Amino acid sequence: MQPASRFAVRCGRLYDGTGDPPQTNVTVIIEAGRIGRIVANDEPADAEYTLEAASVTPGLINAHVHLEFSGEPDIGVVLLT
């Protein structure tokens, strides 16, 4: 079975990383494996994931990130320079 080419992530609260207040009850549309757009919760899709009780941060991959660092794989190198 082929994975859905277009699917929806139904979000209860969405933080977009701009510093604006979170958006509520929105949907992130994923198209061809990439974030396509953010739309109202009634957008149809081939498949969907319901995260309406969760907060979502699209594009944030590392759930254990220390944002005060530069993102280097070896923080010891950064601290020594």
Protein backbone atom coordinates (compact mmCIF):
# COMPACT_ATOMS: atom_id res chain seq x y z
CA MET A 1 0.00 0.00 0.00
CA GLN A 2 1.34 3.45 -0.93
CA PRO A 3 1.51 6.12 1.80
CA ALA A 4 -0.88 9.03 1.42
CA SER A 5 0.61 11.75 -0.77
CA ARG A 6 -1.35 14.45 1.01
CA PHE A 7 -2.32 14.22 4.64
CA ALA A 8 -3.61 16.49 7.36
CA VAL A 9 -2.37 16.98 10.90
CA ARG A 10 -5.29 18.39 12.91
CA CYS A 11 -3.79 20.61 15.63
CA GLY A 12 -5.36 21.88 18.82
CA ARG A 13 -2.65 24.53 19.21
CA LEU A 14 0.04 25.41 16.68
CA TYR A 15 3.22 27.37 17.43
CA ASP A 16 4.74 28.65 14.19
CA GLY A 17 8.02 29.94 15.63
CA THR A 18 7.41 33.59 14.70
CA GLY A 19 6.70 34.75 18.24
CA ASP A 20 3.02 35.31 17.45
CA PRO A 21 0.45 33.77 19.80
CA PRO A 22 -0.37 30.13 18.97
CA GLN A 23 -3.06 29.42 16.40
CA THR A 24 -5.87 27.15 17.58
CA ASN A 25 -7.87 24.49 15.76
CA VAL A 26 -5.88 24.54 12.54
CA THR A 27 -4.58 21.86 10.18
CA VAL A 28 -1.09 21.41 8.78
CA ILE A 29 -1.29 19.96 5.26
CA ILE A 30 1.66 17.72 4.35
CA GLU A 31 2.15 17.32 0.59
CA ALA A 32 4.82 15.06 -0.94
CA GLY A 33 6.55 14.73 2.44
CA ARG A 34 6.79 18.48 3.12
CA ILE A 35 4.77 21.02 5.05
CA GLY A 36 2.50 22.50 2.41
CA ARG A 37 0.34 25.00 4.24
CA ILE A 38 -1.67 25.75 7.36
CA VAL A 39 -5.43 25.89 6.87
CA ALA A 40 -8.76 25.68 8.69
CA ASN A 41 -9.58 22.34 10.34
CA ASP A 42 -12.14 21.39 7.67
CA GLU A 43 -9.62 20.94 4.82
CA PRO A 44 -10.01 17.48 3.21
CA ALA A 45 -7.00 15.18 2.79
CA ASP A 46 -6.13 11.60 1.78
CA ALA A 47 -5.37 10.71 5.41
CA GLU A 48 -5.27 12.53 8.72
CA TYR A 49 -3.69 12.49 12.16
CA THR A 50 -5.73 13.99 14.96
CA LEU A 51 -3.64 15.91 17.49
CA GLU A 52 -6.40 18.24 18.60
CA ALA A 53 -5.47 17.74 22.27
CA ALA A 54 -1.80 18.56 21.58
CA SER A 55 0.45 21.51 20.84
CA VAL A 56 2.26 21.22 17.50
CA THR A 57 5.44 22.91 16.25
CA PRO A 58 5.79 22.07 12.54
CA GLY A 59 9.34 21.66 11.34
CA LEU A 60 10.83 21.10 14.79
CA ILE A 61 12.48 17.70 14.51
CA ASN A 62 14.66 17.31 17.59
CA ALA A 63 12.40 17.03 20.62
CA HIS A 64 15.41 17.37 22.95
CA VAL A 65 17.07 20.49 21.64
CA HIS A 66 18.99 23.14 23.54
CA LEU A 67 18.10 26.27 21.60
CA GLU A 68 20.78 28.34 23.30
CA PHE A 69 23.45 26.39 21.37
CA SER A 70 24.36 26.73 17.70
CA GLY A 71 23.13 23.32 16.59
CA GLU A 72 26.61 21.87 16.13
CA PRO A 73 26.68 18.08 16.58
CA ASP A 74 29.47 18.33 19.18
CA ILE A 75 28.79 21.16 21.63
CA GLY A 76 32.27 20.63 23.16
CA VAL A 77 33.78 21.97 19.94
CA VAL A 78 31.64 25.07 20.15
CA LEU A 79 32.47 25.69 23.79
CA LEU A 80 36.22 25.36 23.12
CA THR A 81 36.27 27.91 20.29
